[in-house]
Amino acid sequence: MFALRRWWNQYALKAGIAALALVAALGLREAGGIPIYEMYRWLTRPLHPGPSREDILKSSYTQELQQRIVELESQNRSLRQSLDDENTQTPEGIPAAVIGRSAGNWWQQIIISRGSSDGVDENDIVVGPGGLVGRVISISPTSSRVLLVSDVTSRIGARISRSRATGYVRGSMSQQVVMEFFDKIPDVKVGDVVVTSAYSQRFPQDIPIGRVVDLDLSKSPAPEVTIELTAPLDILEWVEVDPFEPSGVDMPTETPPTLLQDPAYDAQPSGG
């Protein structure tokens, strides 16, 4: 009797688990349910210490997240370094107030409150909220005259940011300007962003100009689109003057015929 009790105390737990496993296996066999091996592993898990499947998955996921964090931190440092380098290389713009414009040339020129004594030079670039405003065409010690992008004599090399289709923007005496393309079938659609291009020798590239609001791709001799300027030229109060050394007069290598026939294309402002 004593020997039976000792055997029971020693093997009762294992015998009970084995019996439960056998009963569960018979039930699963009839029901066609979970494989017997999986049930056996579940029943005998207390006898096999170690990380569970869930623990392993959680650990792997945690490691993946940690790796992503490290990678993002590295990218963030690189971006910050690039921005710092760019900021140290780019001259700081000169803020200026719009102090003069007349009803007769509202869309042609403005006068700003900075001049040569403030470091402003002719051909400097003028930008405002939203993008390009124009360029400085004449200066005095305390003020400067700016030719707006909306002036009919304004010609700016431009491209579609999305597709890189290139052309030239010309002013139309309003908040909207017209872009003529070099390609006969340009990749452009309403809503596309337009920026200055490398064709523009009087402006640095990648300055925002506006968004496409209308298409006339069947226009002859060159397809055209209408662009809404993103800088509100009609209500400007403050602008920024950025130093720039032009490489020449804006003249594309593939000038649309309409530009060649336009007598205002090569016209230079009088500066007055």
C-alpha atoms as a PDB file:
ATOM      1  CA  MET A   1       0.000   0.000   0.000  1.00  0.00           C
ATOM      2  CA  PHE A   2       2.839   2.324   0.848  1.00  0.00           C
ATOM      3  CA  ALA A   3       4.568   1.556  -2.460  1.00  0.00           C
ATOM      4  CA  LEU A   4       1.366   2.312  -4.422  1.00  0.00           C
ATOM      5  CA  ARG A   5       0.965   5.656  -2.685  1.00  0.00           C
ATOM      6  CA  ARG A   6       4.587   6.549  -3.377  1.00  0.00           C
ATOM      7  CA  TRP A   7       4.130   5.676  -7.074  1.00  0.00           C
ATOM      8  CA  TRP A   8       0.957   7.771  -7.204  1.00  0.00           C
ATOM      9  CA  ASN A   9       2.654  10.778  -5.669  1.00  0.00           C
ATOM     10  CA  GLN A  10       5.502  10.479  -8.144  1.00  0.00           C
ATOM     11  CA  TYR A  11       3.606   9.821 -11.389  1.00  0.00           C
ATOM     12  CA  ALA A  12       0.064  11.084 -10.779  1.00  0.00           C
ATOM     13  CA  LEU A  13       0.588  14.420 -12.580  1.00  0.00           C
ATOM     14  CA  LYS A  14       2.160  12.848 -15.659  1.00  0.00           C
ATOM     15  CA  ALA A  15      -0.465  10.127 -15.772  1.00  0.00           C
ATOM     16  CA  GLY A  16      -3.243  12.698 -15.532  1.00  0.00           C
ATOM     17  CA  ILE A  17      -1.775  14.776 -18.354  1.00  0.00           C
ATOM     18  CA  ALA A  18      -1.371  11.672 -20.521  1.00  0.00           C
ATOM     19  CA  ALA A  19      -4.963  10.667 -19.867  1.00  0.00           C
ATOM     20  CA  LEU A  20      -6.236  14.136 -20.745  1.00  0.00           C
ATOM     21  CA  ALA A  21      -4.173  14.115 -23.916  1.00  0.00           C
ATOM     22  CA  LEU A  22      -5.616  10.731 -24.904  1.00  0.00           C
ATOM     23  CA  VAL A  23      -9.182  11.862 -24.259  1.00  0.00           C
ATOM     24  CA  ALA A  24      -8.630  15.089 -26.172  1.00  0.00           C
ATOM     25  CA  ALA A  25      -7.060  13.199 -29.059  1.00  0.00           C
ATOM     26  CA  LEU A  26     -10.035  10.865 -29.321  1.00  0.00           C
ATOM     27  CA  GLY A  27     -12.423  13.811 -29.294  1.00  0.00           C
ATOM     28  CA  LEU A  28     -10.466  15.666 -31.930  1.00  0.00           C
ATOM     29  CA  ARG A  29     -10.290  12.587 -34.096  1.00  0.00           C
ATOM     30  CA  GLU A  30     -14.070  12.422 -34.172  1.00  0.00           C
ATOM     31  CA  ALA A  31     -14.498  16.157 -34.734  1.00  0.00           C
ATOM     32  CA  GLY A  32     -11.728  16.510 -37.303  1.00  0.00           C
ATOM     33  CA  GLY A  33     -10.409  19.529 -35.368  1.00  0.00           C
ATOM     34  CA  ILE A  34      -6.952  20.694 -34.358  1.00  0.00           C
ATOM     35  CA  PRO A  35      -4.136  18.201 -35.007  1.00  0.00           C
ATOM     36  CA  ILE A  36      -3.278  15.943 -32.070  1.00  0.00           C
ATOM     37  CA  TYR A  37       0.289  17.188 -31.981  1.00  0.00           C
ATOM     38  CA  GLU A  38      -0.780  20.774 -31.408  1.00  0.00           C
ATOM     39  CA  MET A  39      -3.091  19.745 -28.567  1.00  0.00           C
ATOM     40  CA  TYR A  40      -0.353  17.637 -27.044  1.00  0.00           C
ATOM     41  CA  ARG A  41       2.026  20.583 -27.136  1.00  0.00           C
ATOM     42  CA  TRP A  42      -0.573  22.760 -25.437  1.00  0.00           C
ATOM     43  CA  LEU A  43      -1.226  20.212 -22.674  1.00  0.00           C
ATOM     44  CA  THR A  44       2.425  19.485 -22.017  1.00  0.00           C
ATOM     45  CA  ARG A  45       3.643  23.092 -22.238  1.00  0.00           C
ATOM     46  CA  PRO A  46       4.039  23.364 -18.417  1.00  0.00           C
ATOM     47  CA  LEU A  47       6.526  20.496 -18.596  1.00  0.00           C
ATOM     48  CA  HIS A  48       8.671  22.237 -21.254  1.00  0.00           C
ATOM     49  CA  PRO A  49       9.796  25.620 -19.951  1.00  0.00           C
ATOM     50  CA  GLY A  50      10.888  28.208 -22.573  1.00  0.00           C
ATOM     51  CA  PRO A  51       9.602  31.195 -24.579  1.00  0.00           C
ATOM     52  CA  SER A  52       6.182  30.776 -26.149  1.00  0.00           C
ATOM     53  CA  ARG A  53       5.399  31.464 -29.793  1.00  0.00           C
ATOM     54  CA  GLU A  54       3.676  34.679 -28.782  1.00  0.00           C
ATOM     55  CA  ASP A  55       6.736  35.760 -26.797  1.00  0.00           C
ATOM     56  CA  ILE A  56       9.010  35.084 -29.754  1.00  0.00           C
ATOM     57  CA  LEU A  57       6.771  37.078 -32.098  1.00  0.00           C
ATOM     58  CA  LYS A  58       6.612  39.968 -29.661  1.00  0.00           C
ATOM     59  CA  SER A  59      10.379  39.939 -29.285  1.00  0.00           C
ATOM     60  CA  SER A  60      10.886  39.942 -33.066  1.00  0.00           C
ATOM     61  CA  TYR A  61       8.410  42.777 -33.511  1.00  0.00           C
ATOM     62  CA  THR A  62      10.124  44.770 -30.766  1.00  0.00           C
ATOM     63  CA  GLN A  63      13.510  44.282 -32.404  1.00  0.00           C
ATOM     64  CA  GLU A  64      12.100  45.361 -35.765  1.00  0.00           C
ATOM     65  CA  LEU A  65      10.681  48.524 -34.231  1.00  0.00           C
ATOM     66  CA  GLN A  66      13.991  49.265 -32.544  1.00  0.00           C
ATOM     67  CA  GLN A  67      15.809  48.852 -35.859  1.00  0.00           C
ATOM     68  CA  ARG A  68      13.327  51.165 -37.543  1.00  0.00           C
ATOM     69  CA  ILE A  69      13.846  53.757 -34.820  1.00  0.00           C
ATOM     70  CA  VAL A  70      17.616  53.574 -35.272  1.00  0.00           C
ATOM     71  CA  GLU A  71      17.251  53.947 -39.054  1.00  0.00           C
ATOM     72  CA  LEU A  72      14.857  56.878 -38.703  1.00  0.00           C
ATOM     73  CA  GLU A  73      17.172  58.582 -36.240  1.00  0.00           C
ATOM     74  CA  SER A  74      20.046  58.139 -38.688  1.00  0.00           C
ATOM     75  CA  GLN A  75      17.989  59.585 -41.528  1.00  0.00           C
ATOM     76  CA  ASN A  76      16.900  62.463 -39.310  1.00  0.00           C
ATOM     77  CA  ARG A  77      20.515  63.286 -38.473  1.00  0.00           C
ATOM     78  CA  SER A  78      21.438  63.206 -42.164  1.00  0.00           C
ATOM     79  CA  LEU A  79      18.555  65.503 -43.066  1.00  0.00           C
ATOM     80  CA  ARG A  80      19.434  67.919 -40.280  1.00  0.00           C
ATOM     81  CA  GLN A  81      23.040  67.973 -41.446  1.00  0.00           C
ATOM     82  CA  SER A  82      21.945  68.622 -45.029  1.00  0.00           C
ATOM     83  CA  LEU A  83      19.683  71.451 -43.905  1.00  0.00           C
ATOM     84  CA  ASP A  84      22.446  72.959 -41.787  1.00  0.00           C
ATOM     85  CA  ASP A  85      24.850  72.791 -44.721  1.00  0.00           C
ATOM     86  CA  GLU A  86      22.283  74.357 -47.023  1.00  0.00           C
ATOM     87  CA  ASN A  87      21.525  77.112 -44.552  1.00  0.00           C
ATOM     88  CA  THR A  88      25.190  77.955 -44.159  1.00  0.00           C
ATOM     89  CA  GLN A  89      25.664  78.112 -47.910  1.00  0.00           C
ATOM     90  CA  THR A  90      22.575  80.143 -48.785  1.00  0.00           C
ATOM     91  CA  PRO A  91      22.708  83.917 -48.165  1.00  0.00           C
ATOM     92  CA  GLU A  92      19.964  85.225 -45.935  1.00  0.00           C
ATOM     93  CA  GLY A  93      17.166  87.052 -47.716  1.00  0.00           C
ATOM     94  CA  ILE A  94      16.449  90.727 -47.115  1.00  0.00           C
ATOM     95  CA  PRO A  95      12.881  91.478 -45.946  1.00  0.00           C
ATOM     96  CA  ALA A  96      11.253  94.497 -47.548  1.00  0.00           C
ATOM     97  CA  ALA A  97       7.899  96.253 -47.429  1.00  0.00           C
ATOM     98  CA  VAL A  98       5.935  97.120 -50.557  1.00  0.00           C
ATOM     99  CA  ILE A  99       5.806 100.918 -50.451  1.00  0.00           C
ATOM    100  CA  GLY A 100       4.619 101.870 -53.892  1.00  0.00           C
ATOM    101  CA  ARG A 101       2.562 100.844 -56.908  1.00  0.00           C
ATOM    102  CA  SER A 102       0.114 102.698 -59.117  1.00  0.00           C
ATOM    103  CA  ALA A 103      -3.192 101.765 -60.667  1.00  0.00           C
ATOM    104  CA  GLY A 104      -1.683 102.219 -64.114  1.00  0.00           C
ATOM    105  CA  ASN A 105       0.987  99.549 -63.609  1.00  0.00           C
ATOM    106  CA  TRP A 106      -0.535  97.476 -60.818  1.00  0.00           C
ATOM    107  CA  TRP A 107       0.475  94.179 -62.439  1.00  0.00           C
ATOM    108  CA  GLN A 108       3.770  95.451 -63.819  1.00  0.00           C
ATOM    109  CA  GLN A 109       5.956  96.847 -61.057  1.00  0.00           C
ATOM    110  CA  ILE A 110       6.177  97.493 -57.339  1.00  0.00           C
ATOM    111  CA  ILE A 111       8.539  99.617 -55.254  1.00  0.00           C
ATOM    112  CA  ILE A 112      10.048  98.087 -52.105  1.00  0.00           C
ATOM    113  CA  SER A 113      11.643  99.678 -49.049  1.00  0.00           C
ATOM    114  CA  ARG A 114      15.166  98.304 -49.502  1.00  0.00           C
ATOM    115  CA  GLY A 115      17.937  99.584 -51.735  1.00  0.00           C
ATOM    116  CA  SER A 116      21.657  99.497 -52.367  1.00  0.00           C
ATOM    117  CA  SER A 117      22.468 100.633 -48.828  1.00  0.00           C
ATOM    118  CA  ASP A 118      20.725  97.481 -47.599  1.00  0.00           C
ATOM    119  CA  GLY A 119      22.643  95.188 -49.927  1.00  0.00           C
ATOM    120  CA  VAL A 120      20.081  94.975 -52.735  1.00  0.00           C
ATOM    121  CA  ASP A 121      21.435  94.732 -56.287  1.00  0.00           C
ATOM    122  CA  GLU A 122      19.851  94.776 -59.712  1.00  0.00           C
ATOM    123  CA  ASN A 123      18.645  91.344 -60.869  1.00  0.00           C
ATOM    124  CA  ASP A 124      18.152  90.120 -57.306  1.00  0.00           C
ATOM    125  CA  ILE A 125      15.192  87.756 -56.961  1.00  0.00           C
ATOM    126  CA  VAL A 126      12.053  88.808 -55.112  1.00  0.00           C
ATOM    127  CA  VAL A 127       9.787  86.204 -53.520  1.00  0.00           C
ATOM    128  CA  GLY A 128       6.704  86.446 -51.349  1.00  0.00           C
ATOM    129  CA  PRO A 129       4.245  84.193 -49.558  1.00  0.00           C
ATOM    130  CA  GLY A 130       3.610  81.348 -51.985  1.00  0.00           C
ATOM    131  CA  GLY A 131       6.491  81.806 -54.390  1.00  0.00           C
ATOM    132  CA  LEU A 132       8.048  83.984 -57.069  1.00  0.00           C
ATOM    133  CA  VAL A 133       7.173  87.686 -57.264  1.00  0.00           C
ATOM    134  CA  GLY A 134       9.706  89.103 -59.727  1.00  0.00           C
ATOM    135  CA  ARG A 135      13.193  90.577 -59.965  1.00  0.00           C
ATOM    136  CA  VAL A 136      14.837  93.895 -59.103  1.00  0.00           C
ATOM    137  CA  ILE A 137      15.291  96.081 -62.196  1.00  0.00           C
ATOM    138  CA  SER A 138      16.530  99.344 -60.656  1.00  0.00           C
ATOM    139  CA  ILE A 139      17.788 100.516 -57.273  1.00  0.00           C
ATOM    140  CA  SER A 140      18.371 103.632 -55.230  1.00  0.00           C
ATOM    141  CA  PRO A 141      20.094 103.796 -51.847  1.00  0.00           C
ATOM    142  CA  THR A 142      16.804 103.319 -49.986  1.00  0.00           C
ATOM    143  CA  SER A 143      14.375 101.639 -52.392  1.00  0.00           C
ATOM    144  CA  SER A 144      14.147  99.328 -55.393  1.00  0.00           C
ATOM    145  CA  ARG A 145      11.833  98.791 -58.332  1.00  0.00           C
ATOM    146  CA  VAL A 146      10.656  95.231 -59.002  1.00  0.00           C
ATOM    147  CA  LEU A 147       9.394  93.872 -62.325  1.00  0.00           C
ATOM    148  CA  LEU A 148       6.548  91.476 -61.524  1.00  0.00           C
ATOM    149  CA  VAL A 149       6.159  88.036 -63.119  1.00  0.00           C
ATOM    150  CA  SER A 150       2.710  89.184 -64.252  1.00  0.00           C
ATOM    151  CA  ASP A 151       4.166  91.895 -66.528  1.00  0.00           C
ATOM    152  CA  VAL A 152       3.691  91.178 -70.243  1.00  0.00           C
ATOM    153  CA  THR A 153       7.437  91.519 -70.868  1.00  0.00           C
ATOM    154  CA  SER A 154       8.256  88.912 -68.226  1.00  0.00           C
ATOM    155  CA  ARG A 155       9.628  85.614 -69.553  1.00  0.00           C
ATOM    156  CA  ILE A 156      10.602  82.840 -67.145  1.00  0.00           C
ATOM    157  CA  GLY A 157      11.910  79.359 -67.909  1.00  0.00           C
ATOM    158  CA  ALA A 158       9.601  76.940 -66.119  1.00  0.00           C
ATOM    159  CA  ARG A 159       8.775  73.270 -65.754  1.00  0.00           C
ATOM    160  CA  ILE A 160       6.010  71.052 -64.430  1.00  0.00           C
ATOM    161  CA  SER A 161       7.263  69.688 -61.118  1.00  0.00           C
ATOM    162  CA  ARG A 162       5.534  66.311 -61.523  1.00  0.00           C
ATOM    163  CA  SER A 163       6.523  65.436 -65.095  1.00  0.00           C
ATOM    164  CA  ARG A 164       9.403  67.895 -65.656  1.00  0.00           C
ATOM    165  CA  ALA A 165       7.793  69.086 -68.900  1.00  0.00           C
ATOM    166  CA  THR A 166       9.476  72.385 -69.759  1.00  0.00           C
ATOM    167  CA  GLY A 167       8.446  75.653 -71.321  1.00  0.00           C
ATOM    168  CA  TYR A 168       8.236  79.374 -70.707  1.00  0.00           C
ATOM    169  CA  VAL A 169       5.920  81.430 -68.528  1.00  0.00           C
ATOM    170  CA  ARG A 170       4.809  84.857 -69.738  1.00  0.00           C
ATOM    171  CA  GLY A 171       2.852  87.483 -67.845  1.00  0.00           C
ATOM    172  CA  SER A 172      -0.694  88.508 -68.719  1.00  0.00           C
ATOM    173  CA  MET A 173      -1.319  91.504 -66.438  1.00  0.00           C
ATOM    174  CA  SER A 174      -3.314  89.510 -63.879  1.00  0.00           C
ATOM    175  CA  GLN A 175      -2.957  86.929 -61.119  1.00  0.00           C
ATOM    176  CA  GLN A 176      -2.814  84.314 -63.875  1.00  0.00           C
ATOM    177  CA  VAL A 177       0.074  83.726 -66.288  1.00  0.00           C
ATOM    178  CA  VAL A 178       0.466  81.559 -69.387  1.00  0.00           C
ATOM    179  CA  MET A 179       2.963  78.760 -69.936  1.00  0.00           C
ATOM    180  CA  GLU A 180       3.963  77.670 -73.442  1.00  0.00           C
ATOM    181  CA  PHE A 181       5.585  74.258 -73.820  1.00  0.00           C
ATOM    182  CA  PHE A 182       8.483  73.126 -75.961  1.00  0.00           C
ATOM    183  CA  ASP A 183       6.946  69.660 -76.477  1.00  0.00           C
ATOM    184  CA  LYS A 184       3.975  69.266 -78.777  1.00  0.00           C
ATOM    185  CA  ILE A 185       2.328  66.820 -76.363  1.00  0.00           C
ATOM    186  CA  PRO A 186       3.425  67.833 -72.859  1.00  0.00           C
ATOM    187  CA  ASP A 187       2.626  65.742 -69.788  1.00  0.00           C
ATOM    188  CA  VAL A 188       0.534  68.233 -67.818  1.00  0.00           C
ATOM    189  CA  LYS A 189      -2.796  68.283 -65.994  1.00  0.00           C
ATOM    190  CA  VAL A 190      -4.862  70.660 -63.906  1.00  0.00           C
ATOM    191  CA  GLY A 191      -3.432  70.992 -60.412  1.00  0.00           C
ATOM    192  CA  ASP A 192       0.193  70.460 -61.429  1.00  0.00           C
ATOM    193  CA  VAL A 193       2.749  72.617 -59.631  1.00  0.00           C
ATOM    194  CA  VAL A 194       4.908  74.879 -61.813  1.00  0.00           C
ATOM    195  CA  VAL A 195       8.411  75.952 -60.742  1.00  0.00           C
ATOM    196  CA  THR A 196      11.309  77.799 -62.335  1.00  0.00           C
ATOM    197  CA  SER A 197      13.605  75.622 -64.431  1.00  0.00           C
ATOM    198  CA  ALA A 198      17.247  75.502 -65.411  1.00  0.00           C
ATOM    199  CA  TYR A 199      16.224  77.199 -68.684  1.00  0.00           C
ATOM    200  CA  SER A 200      15.648  80.383 -66.708  1.00  0.00           C
ATOM    201  CA  GLN A 201      18.933  82.265 -66.663  1.00  0.00           C
ATOM    202  CA  ARG A 202      17.518  85.195 -64.710  1.00  0.00           C
ATOM    203  CA  PHE A 203      16.030  83.085 -61.928  1.00  0.00           C
ATOM    204  CA  PRO A 204      17.358  80.157 -59.902  1.00  0.00           C
ATOM    205  CA  GLN A 205      15.536  76.900 -60.515  1.00  0.00           C
ATOM    206  CA  ASP A 206      12.869  75.273 -58.330  1.00  0.00           C
ATOM    207  CA  ILE A 207      11.180  78.469 -57.107  1.00  0.00           C
ATOM    208  CA  PRO A 208       7.388  77.902 -56.959  1.00  0.00           C
ATOM    209  CA  ILE A 209       5.440  79.902 -59.538  1.00  0.00           C
ATOM    210  CA  GLY A 210       1.888  78.588 -59.344  1.00  0.00           C
ATOM    211  CA  ARG A 211      -0.571  75.806 -60.197  1.00  0.00           C
ATOM    212  CA  VAL A 212      -2.136  74.818 -63.506  1.00  0.00           C
ATOM    213  CA  VAL A 213      -5.822  75.793 -63.634  1.00  0.00           C
ATOM    214  CA  ASP A 214      -6.657  75.418 -67.340  1.00  0.00           C
ATOM    215  CA  LEU A 215      -5.339  73.550 -70.398  1.00  0.00           C
ATOM    216  CA  ASP A 216      -5.208  74.476 -74.079  1.00  0.00           C
ATOM    217  CA  LEU A 217      -3.015  71.715 -75.470  1.00  0.00           C
ATOM    218  CA  SER A 218      -4.357  72.129 -78.998  1.00  0.00           C
ATOM    219  CA  LYS A 219      -3.142  75.727 -79.145  1.00  0.00           C
ATOM    220  CA  SER A 220      -0.966  76.455 -82.191  1.00  0.00           C
ATOM    221  CA  PRO A 221       1.939  76.744 -82.606  1.00  0.00           C
ATOM    222  CA  ALA A 222       2.648  75.628 -79.015  1.00  0.00           C
ATOM    223  CA  PRO A 223       0.461  74.010 -76.320  1.00  0.00           C
ATOM    224  CA  GLU A 224      -0.479  76.362 -73.485  1.00  0.00           C
ATOM    225  CA  VAL A 225      -1.749  76.175 -69.927  1.00  0.00           C
ATOM    226  CA  THR A 226      -3.043  78.858 -67.594  1.00  0.00           C
ATOM    227  CA  ILE A 227      -1.322  79.121 -64.228  1.00  0.00           C
ATOM    228  CA  GLU A 228      -2.663  80.721 -61.072  1.00  0.00           C
ATOM    229  CA  LEU A 229       0.224  82.420 -59.304  1.00  0.00           C
ATOM    230  CA  THR A 230       0.680  81.219 -55.733  1.00  0.00           C
ATOM    231  CA  ALA A 231       2.156  84.546 -54.585  1.00  0.00           C
ATOM    232  CA  PRO A 232      -0.750  87.014 -54.190  1.00  0.00           C
ATOM    233  CA  LEU A 233       0.677  89.836 -56.284  1.00  0.00           C
ATOM    234  CA  ASP A 234      -2.412  92.023 -55.972  1.00  0.00           C
ATOM    235  CA  ILE A 235      -2.273  92.256 -52.167  1.00  0.00           C
ATOM    236  CA  LEU A 236       1.449  92.004 -51.426  1.00  0.00           C
ATOM    237  CA  GLU A 237       2.640  93.931 -48.377  1.00  0.00           C
ATOM    238  CA  TRP A 238       5.948  92.227 -47.611  1.00  0.00           C
ATOM    239  CA  VAL A 239       8.499  90.421 -49.777  1.00  0.00           C
ATOM    240  CA  GLU A 240      11.974  88.956 -49.485  1.00  0.00           C
ATOM    241  CA  VAL A 241      14.913  89.894 -51.713  1.00  0.00           C
ATOM    242  CA  ASP A 242      17.378  87.084 -52.451  1.00  0.00           C
ATOM    243  CA  PRO A 243      20.800  87.749 -54.011  1.00  0.00           C
ATOM    244  CA  PHE A 244      21.274  86.232 -57.470  1.00  0.00           C
ATOM    245  CA  GLU A 245      23.773  86.585 -60.290  1.00  0.00           C
ATOM    246  CA  PRO A 246      22.005  85.961 -63.627  1.00  0.00           C
ATOM    247  CA  SER A 247      23.884  84.102 -66.326  1.00  0.00           C
ATOM    248  CA  GLY A 248      22.175  85.996 -69.144  1.00  0.00           C
ATOM    249  CA  VAL A 249      18.848  86.910 -70.676  1.00  0.00           C
ATOM    250  CA  ASP A 250      16.169  84.220 -70.536  1.00  0.00           C
ATOM    251  CA  MET A 251      16.301  82.664 -73.994  1.00  0.00           C
ATOM    252  CA  PRO A 252      15.435  78.965 -74.393  1.00  0.00           C
ATOM    253  CA  THR A 253      17.313  76.740 -76.801  1.00  0.00           C
ATOM    254  CA  GLU A 254      13.966  75.847 -78.336  1.00  0.00           C
ATOM    255  CA  THR A 255      12.106  79.139 -78.416  1.00  0.00           C
ATOM    256  CA  PRO A 256       8.432  78.790 -79.386  1.00  0.00           C
ATOM    257  CA  PRO A 257       7.634  80.715 -82.589  1.00  0.00           C
ATOM    258  CA  THR A 258       5.234  83.006 -80.757  1.00  0.00           C
ATOM    259  CA  LEU A 259       8.059  84.240 -78.569  1.00  0.00           C
ATOM    260  CA  LEU A 260      10.303  84.949 -81.534  1.00  0.00           C
ATOM    261  CA  GLN A 261       7.534  86.985 -83.128  1.00  0.00           C
ATOM    262  CA  ASP A 262       6.766  88.918 -79.948  1.00  0.00           C
ATOM    263  CA  PRO A 263       8.562  92.297 -80.100  1.00  0.00           C
ATOM    264  CA  ALA A 264       8.319  92.555 -76.320  1.00  0.00           C
ATOM    265  CA  TYR A 265      10.362  89.397 -75.820  1.00  0.00           C
ATOM    266  CA  ASP A 266      13.726  91.140 -75.889  1.00  0.00           C
ATOM    267  CA  ALA A 267      12.405  94.411 -74.516  1.00  0.00           C
ATOM    268  CA  GLN A 268      14.237  95.592 -71.428  1.00  0.00           C
ATOM    269  CA  PRO A 269      12.534  97.704 -68.738  1.00  0.00           C
ATOM    270  CA  SER A 270      13.575 101.321 -68.716  1.00  0.00           C
ATOM    271  CA  GLY A 271      14.232 101.185 -64.991  1.00  0.00           C
ATOM    272  CA  GLY A 272      11.930 104.114 -64.363  1.00  0.00           C
END
